[in-house]
Amino acid sequence: MDLLRHLRYFRAVAEELHFGRAAERLGMAQPPLSRSVRSLEEELGARLFDRTSRGVRLTAAGEVLLAESEELLARAERTRTLVTRAHRGEYGVLRIGVPPELPGRVLARVLTRFAAEAPDVQVEPRELGTAEQARLLADRELDAGLLQHPVELTGLVSEPVTELPLGVVVPRGSPLAGTEPLSLAALAGSPLVLFPRPAAPGLYDATLGACRAQGYHPPRVLHAGSPETVLALVIAGRGAALAHAAVAQKEPRVLWRPLAAGGPVWPVSFVRHATAPHPAAGRLAPAATAALRAETGECAPRDPGAPGPNGTPRPWDIVYPLTEGGV
């Protein structure tokens, strides 16, 4: 029994209190409308209308059904609308993976950009390495992910790759501190802080290969899975880190120096399954890629000696004074 259809027919009769006018309003003949009302009465086991020579009026049971059916039909219509919007990728929860070392401000820009395009889609980010993201994407347990290349993409669809420029994060008082591009060879003898290899084996090996090719052979590699851990190791003097500029921008005790031309970059792209569980995955990728590239363009190295607004010294230049020969 199509209960919702019968309820809509019932409400038309209840509001018109006339089968002929109700049928005309519904754009149908009167006999099938009468049959629909009788079927509903049989289903509910109650008479809904008193039919007399003077007209039609609701019974007590009909009055109750009229009141209750309004909310039921409204909820059914809302459900239909939400299902349709979810099918179009305009509603629901979108599960995305992001590497743990992705700076918070970069992720915030991506989420803000996408929210402007799909305000009713709730993005649920999960911090996962590239290898784990690729596995979950293949199993359709993630809708989209930000993967670091090189990575196997069989069965997956990738947006164009964005190359995140790398720099070196060092303590503020380090002899390596400065603002000019730095060659990897200048890090000779210094341990390297890098993400764990299992997170993105292809990129890990490519990064170390690029370091060695440019004359930097780290005596030791320390692993850090988050920007906070990267900064903690650098501040503690345990080593220099290769990272995106945004990692260092809000920590006054470290400095970020861009790498000289020819230095390694970290290629990343938003990836989804060819038949992603959530339709919005196809809309997230281009919007998020645009946000990622905008963020990359804005993350210029900070001049540690540059004054703040109106020529006033910046707070960290007072708490952490510049040193001669360094910064």
Protein backbone atom coordinates (compact mmCIF):
# COMPACT_ATOMS: atom_id res chain seq x y z
CA MET A 1 0.00 0.00 0.00
CA ASP A 2 1.32 3.42 -0.96
CA LEU A 3 0.51 5.05 2.39
CA LEU A 4 1.96 8.46 1.55
CA ARG A 5 -0.06 8.72 -1.67
CA HIS A 6 -3.25 7.67 0.13
CA LEU A 7 -2.56 10.24 2.86
CA ARG A 8 -2.12 13.02 0.31
CA TYR A 9 -5.44 12.07 -1.28
CA PHE A 10 -7.11 11.91 2.14
CA ARG A 11 -5.85 15.40 3.07
CA ALA A 12 -7.21 16.86 -0.15
CA VAL A 13 -10.68 15.51 0.63
CA ALA A 14 -10.40 16.53 4.30
CA GLU A 15 -9.50 20.10 3.34
CA GLU A 16 -12.12 20.43 0.59
CA LEU A 17 -14.82 18.30 2.33
CA HIS A 18 -15.93 17.45 -1.18
CA PHE A 19 -14.72 14.49 -3.29
CA GLY A 20 -15.39 16.24 -6.59
CA ARG A 21 -13.41 19.38 -5.73
CA ALA A 22 -10.63 17.28 -4.19
CA ALA A 23 -10.36 15.17 -7.35
CA GLU A 24 -10.20 18.31 -9.49
CA ARG A 25 -7.49 19.76 -7.22
CA LEU A 26 -5.46 16.54 -7.53
CA GLY A 27 -5.97 16.36 -11.29
CA MET A 28 -7.63 12.95 -11.21
CA ALA A 29 -11.06 11.37 -11.64
CA GLN A 30 -13.33 11.01 -8.62
CA PRO A 31 -13.74 7.18 -8.64
CA PRO A 32 -10.06 6.35 -8.03
CA LEU A 33 -9.98 9.03 -5.30
CA SER A 34 -12.93 7.41 -3.56
CA ARG A 35 -11.28 4.00 -3.87
CA SER A 36 -8.09 5.38 -2.32
CA VAL A 37 -9.97 6.75 0.70
CA ARG A 38 -11.80 3.43 1.16
CA SER A 39 -8.47 1.53 0.98
CA LEU A 40 -7.03 3.83 3.64
CA GLU A 41 -10.07 3.29 5.88
CA GLU A 42 -9.70 -0.47 5.48
CA GLU A 43 -6.00 -0.31 6.26
CA LEU A 44 -6.57 1.75 9.42
CA GLY A 45 -9.75 -0.05 10.44
CA ALA A 46 -11.61 3.22 10.97
CA ARG A 47 -14.12 5.32 9.08
CA LEU A 48 -12.56 8.66 8.21
CA PHE A 49 -15.51 10.51 6.68
CA ASP A 50 -19.23 10.67 7.28
CA ARG A 51 -20.89 10.84 3.89
CA THR A 52 -24.46 12.19 3.93
CA SER A 53 -26.79 13.75 1.44
CA ARG A 54 -25.79 17.13 2.85
CA GLY A 55 -22.08 16.62 2.28
CA VAL A 56 -18.90 15.16 3.74
CA ARG A 57 -17.44 15.70 7.18
CA LEU A 58 -14.55 14.23 9.12
CA THR A 59 -15.13 11.64 11.81
CA ALA A 60 -13.22 11.75 15.10
CA ALA A 61 -10.72 9.30 13.59
CA GLY A 62 -10.46 11.50 10.51
CA GLU A 63 -9.71 14.57 12.64
CA VAL A 64 -6.85 12.71 14.34
CA LEU A 65 -5.44 11.50 11.03
CA LEU A 66 -5.64 15.00 9.53
CA ALA A 67 -3.59 16.42 12.39
CA GLU A 68 -1.04 13.60 12.41
CA SER A 69 -0.65 13.32 8.65
CA GLU A 70 0.58 16.91 8.26
CA GLU A 71 3.82 16.24 10.13
CA LEU A 72 4.21 12.80 8.54
CA LEU A 73 3.91 14.14 5.00
CA ALA A 74 6.19 17.09 5.81
CA ARG A 75 8.86 14.72 7.14
CA ALA A 76 8.45 12.48 4.10
CA GLU A 77 8.96 15.46 1.80
CA ARG A 78 11.98 16.60 3.80
CA THR A 79 13.44 13.09 3.61
CA ARG A 80 12.87 12.98 -0.13
CA THR A 81 14.61 16.35 -0.52
CA LEU A 82 17.59 15.34 1.62
CA VAL A 83 18.00 12.04 -0.22
CA THR A 84 17.92 13.86 -3.56
CA ARG A 85 20.45 16.44 -2.35
CA ALA A 86 22.71 13.71 -0.95
CA HIS A 87 22.55 11.94 -4.32
CA ARG A 88 23.69 15.19 -5.98
CA GLY A 89 26.51 15.61 -3.46
CA GLU A 90 24.90 18.55 -1.65
CA TYR A 91 24.33 16.90 1.75
CA GLY A 92 25.78 14.33 4.11
CA VAL A 93 29.17 13.51 5.63
CA LEU A 94 32.29 13.48 3.46
CA ARG A 95 35.15 11.38 4.86
CA ILE A 96 38.56 12.65 3.79
CA GLY A 97 42.10 11.68 4.67
CA VAL A 98 44.89 14.18 5.27
CA PRO A 99 48.54 13.52 6.13
CA PRO A 100 49.31 14.21 9.81
CA GLU A 101 52.09 16.62 8.86
CA LEU A 102 49.72 18.87 6.91
CA PRO A 103 49.77 22.26 8.68
CA GLY A 104 46.50 23.25 10.33
CA ARG A 105 46.21 26.53 8.43
CA VAL A 106 46.45 24.69 5.11
CA LEU A 107 43.69 22.26 6.11
CA ALA A 108 41.59 25.18 7.39
CA ARG A 109 41.84 26.92 4.02
CA VAL A 110 40.79 23.75 2.21
CA LEU A 111 37.78 23.23 4.50
CA THR A 112 36.74 26.89 4.27
CA ARG A 113 36.97 26.89 0.48
CA PHE A 114 34.85 23.75 0.17
CA ALA A 115 32.29 24.94 2.75
CA ALA A 116 31.59 27.96 0.57
CA GLU A 117 30.65 25.65 -2.29
CA ALA A 118 28.83 22.92 -0.35
CA PRO A 119 27.70 24.41 2.98
CA ASP A 120 25.52 21.43 3.94
CA VAL A 121 28.20 18.79 3.44
CA GLN A 122 29.97 17.98 6.70
CA VAL A 123 33.64 17.20 6.06
CA GLU A 124 35.12 14.65 8.46
CA PRO A 125 38.94 14.76 8.19
CA ARG A 126 41.04 11.84 9.40
CA GLU A 127 44.79 12.10 9.90
CA LEU A 128 46.28 9.21 7.92
CA GLY A 129 49.47 8.52 6.03
CA THR A 130 49.41 8.15 2.26
CA ALA A 131 49.74 4.35 2.32
CA GLU A 132 46.79 3.98 4.71
CA GLN A 133 44.70 6.49 2.74
CA ALA A 134 45.31 4.61 -0.50
CA ARG A 135 44.16 1.37 1.11
CA LEU A 136 41.00 2.93 2.58
CA LEU A 137 40.19 4.71 -0.68
CA ALA A 138 40.49 1.43 -2.56
CA ASP A 139 38.15 -0.19 -0.02
CA ARG A 140 35.77 2.80 -0.34
CA GLU A 141 36.08 3.51 3.38
CA LEU A 142 37.25 7.05 2.56
CA ASP A 143 35.59 9.38 0.07
CA ALA A 144 38.70 11.39 -0.81
CA GLY A 145 42.22 11.93 0.43
CA LEU A 146 45.27 14.15 0.08
CA LEU A 147 48.00 11.76 -1.04
CA GLN A 148 51.73 12.33 -1.31
CA HIS A 149 53.36 11.11 -4.53
CA PRO A 150 54.69 8.82 -5.81
CA VAL A 151 51.92 6.36 -4.89
CA GLU A 152 50.05 3.57 -6.67
CA LEU A 153 46.70 4.90 -7.93
CA THR A 154 45.09 1.84 -9.50
CA GLY A 155 41.31 2.33 -9.45
CA LEU A 156 41.67 5.87 -8.09
CA VAL A 157 41.12 9.25 -9.73
CA SER A 158 43.58 12.05 -9.00
CA GLU A 159 43.36 15.79 -9.42
CA PRO A 160 46.43 17.50 -10.95
CA VAL A 161 49.44 17.35 -8.66
CA THR A 162 50.39 20.38 -6.57
CA GLU A 163 54.07 20.66 -5.66
CA LEU A 164 54.54 21.91 -2.12
CA PRO A 165 57.86 23.80 -1.97
CA LEU A 166 60.07 22.59 0.83
CA GLY A 167 62.29 24.55 3.14
CA VAL A 168 64.50 23.88 6.11
CA VAL A 169 63.21 24.52 9.64
CA VAL A 170 66.02 25.35 12.07
CA PRO A 171 66.23 26.91 15.57
CA ARG A 172 66.09 30.68 15.57
CA GLY A 173 69.66 31.01 16.85
CA SER A 174 71.14 28.39 14.52
CA PRO A 175 74.14 29.30 12.32
CA LEU A 176 71.90 28.18 9.43
CA ALA A 177 69.23 30.77 10.23
CA GLY A 178 68.52 33.38 7.61
CA THR A 179 66.13 34.16 4.79
CA GLU A 180 68.02 33.34 1.59
CA PRO A 181 67.55 29.99 -0.16
CA LEU A 182 69.62 27.24 1.41
CA SER A 183 71.36 24.36 -0.34
CA LEU A 184 70.89 20.89 1.09
CA ALA A 185 74.67 20.49 1.22
CA ALA A 186 74.73 23.19 3.92
CA LEU A 187 72.97 20.71 6.25
CA ALA A 188 75.96 18.36 6.23
CA GLY A 189 76.47 16.79 9.64
CA SER A 190 72.99 17.72 10.88
CA PRO A 191 70.39 15.03 11.65
CA LEU A 192 67.21 15.25 9.58
CA VAL A 193 63.67 15.40 10.98
CA LEU A 194 61.25 13.70 8.57
CA PHE A 195 57.87 11.97 8.57
CA PRO A 196 57.90 8.18 9.21
CA ARG A 197 58.55 6.08 6.12
CA PRO A 198 55.44 3.84 6.48
CA ALA A 199 53.25 6.96 6.07
CA ALA A 200 54.40 7.56 2.46
CA PRO A 201 57.20 5.16 1.42
CA GLY A 202 57.53 6.53 -2.13
CA LEU A 203 57.93 10.15 -1.05
CA TYR A 204 60.19 9.23 1.88
CA ASP A 205 62.63 7.41 -0.39
CA ALA A 206 62.48 10.14 -3.04
CA THR A 207 63.21 12.84 -0.43
CA LEU A 208 66.24 11.04 1.00
CA GLY A 209 67.44 10.28 -2.53
CA ALA A 210 67.27 13.97 -3.42
CA CYS A 211 69.19 14.89 -0.26
CA ARG A 212 72.00 12.47 -1.06
CA ALA A 213 72.10 13.57 -4.71
CA GLN A 214 72.77 17.14 -3.53
CA GLY A 215 75.50 16.21 -1.10
CA TYR A 216 73.52 15.90 2.13
CA HIS A 217 73.85 12.52 3.83
CA PRO A 218 71.98 12.80 7.14
CA PRO A 219 73.92 11.04 9.92
CA ARG A 220 70.58 10.21 11.50
CA VAL A 221 66.91 10.53 10.56
CA LEU A 222 64.44 11.38 13.33
CA HIS A 223 60.79 10.69 12.60
CA ALA A 224 57.92 13.04 13.45
CA GLY A 225 54.30 12.42 12.49
CA SER A 226 52.88 15.87 13.20
CA PRO A 227 53.95 19.51 12.82
CA GLU A 228 54.03 19.87 16.60
CA THR A 229 56.53 17.01 16.96
CA VAL A 230 58.62 18.40 14.10
CA LEU A 231 58.86 21.76 15.87
CA ALA A 232 59.61 20.16 19.24
CA LEU A 233 62.58 18.24 17.83
CA VAL A 234 63.91 21.30 15.99
CA ILE A 235 63.55 23.59 19.02
CA ALA A 236 65.30 21.00 21.18
CA GLY A 237 68.26 21.08 18.77
CA ARG A 238 67.84 17.47 17.66
CA GLY A 239 68.05 18.25 13.96
CA ALA A 240 66.83 20.30 10.99
CA ALA A 241 63.51 19.51 9.36
CA LEU A 242 62.29 19.59 5.79
CA ALA A 243 58.80 21.05 5.82
CA HIS A 244 56.28 23.37 4.23
CA ALA A 245 56.57 27.02 5.26
CA ALA A 246 53.26 26.98 7.16
CA VAL A 247 54.73 24.54 9.69
CA ALA A 248 57.04 27.22 11.06
CA GLN A 249 55.02 30.40 10.62
CA LYS A 250 53.47 30.61 14.08
CA GLU A 251 56.41 29.36 16.12
CA PRO A 252 58.81 32.23 16.96
CA ARG A 253 61.60 29.94 18.14
CA VAL A 254 62.25 28.52 14.68
CA LEU A 255 62.92 29.88 11.20
CA TRP A 256 62.08 28.52 7.77
CA ARG A 257 64.53 28.89 4.90
CA PRO A 258 63.50 28.01 1.35
CA LEU A 259 65.60 25.45 -0.49
CA ALA A 260 67.79 26.54 -3.37
CA ALA A 261 66.68 25.84 -6.93
CA GLY A 262 66.64 22.16 -7.73
CA GLY A 263 65.77 21.13 -4.20
CA PRO A 264 63.14 18.45 -3.58
CA VAL A 265 59.44 19.27 -3.51
CA TRP A 266 56.54 17.28 -2.09
CA PRO A 267 54.00 16.47 -4.79
CA VAL A 268 50.48 16.02 -3.43
CA SER A 269 47.04 15.68 -4.96
CA PHE A 270 43.47 15.06 -3.90
CA VAL A 271 42.42 11.56 -4.85
CA ARG A 272 39.10 9.73 -4.83
CA HIS A 273 37.86 6.31 -5.84
CA ALA A 274 36.58 6.12 -9.42
CA THR A 275 33.15 5.41 -7.90
CA ALA A 276 33.48 7.38 -4.68
CA PRO A 277 30.84 6.56 -2.03
CA HIS A 278 29.90 10.24 -1.66
CA PRO A 279 29.14 12.28 -4.80
CA ALA A 280 30.65 15.38 -3.20
CA ALA A 281 34.11 13.81 -3.47
CA GLY A 282 34.21 14.93 -7.09
CA ARG A 283 33.42 18.50 -6.01
CA LEU A 284 35.88 18.56 -3.12
CA ALA A 285 38.97 17.73 -5.15
CA PRO A 286 39.07 20.74 -7.53
CA ALA A 287 37.94 23.19 -4.83
CA ALA A 288 40.49 21.86 -2.34
CA THR A 289 43.24 21.82 -4.96
CA ALA A 290 42.59 25.51 -5.69
CA ALA A 291 42.77 26.28 -1.97
CA LEU A 292 45.97 24.28 -1.61
CA ARG A 293 47.63 26.15 -4.47
CA ALA A 294 46.51 29.50 -3.09
CA GLU A 295 47.99 28.59 0.29
CA THR A 296 51.24 27.46 -1.32
CA GLY A 297 51.58 30.79 -3.08
CA GLU A 298 51.04 32.75 0.13
CA CYS A 299 53.51 30.87 2.31
CA ALA A 300 56.56 33.03 1.71
CA PRO A 301 59.47 32.78 4.16
CA ARG A 302 59.26 35.16 7.08
CA ASP A 303 61.99 37.73 7.53
CA PRO A 304 62.88 37.36 11.22
CA GLY A 305 64.19 40.90 11.44
CA ALA A 306 61.31 42.60 9.68
CA PRO A 307 59.39 45.00 11.92
CA GLY A 308 55.70 44.66 12.65
CA PRO A 309 53.00 47.18 11.76
CA ASN A 310 54.07 50.84 12.07
CA GLY A 311 57.69 49.83 12.49
CA THR A 312 57.20 48.26 15.92
CA PRO A 313 59.24 45.17 16.81
CA ARG A 314 57.39 41.88 16.63
CA PRO A 315 56.69 40.16 19.98
CA TRP A 316 59.05 37.27 19.29
CA ASP A 317 61.92 39.69 18.55
CA ILE A 318 61.64 40.88 22.14
CA VAL A 319 61.21 37.50 23.81
CA TYR A 320 63.77 35.83 21.51
CA PRO A 321 66.27 38.58 20.63
CA LEU A 322 68.28 38.44 17.42
CA THR A 323 71.83 37.12 17.73
CA GLU A 324 74.93 38.31 15.96
CA GLY A 325 75.97 36.13 13.07
CA GLY A 326 72.59 34.45 13.10
CA VAL A 327 69.24 36.14 13.39
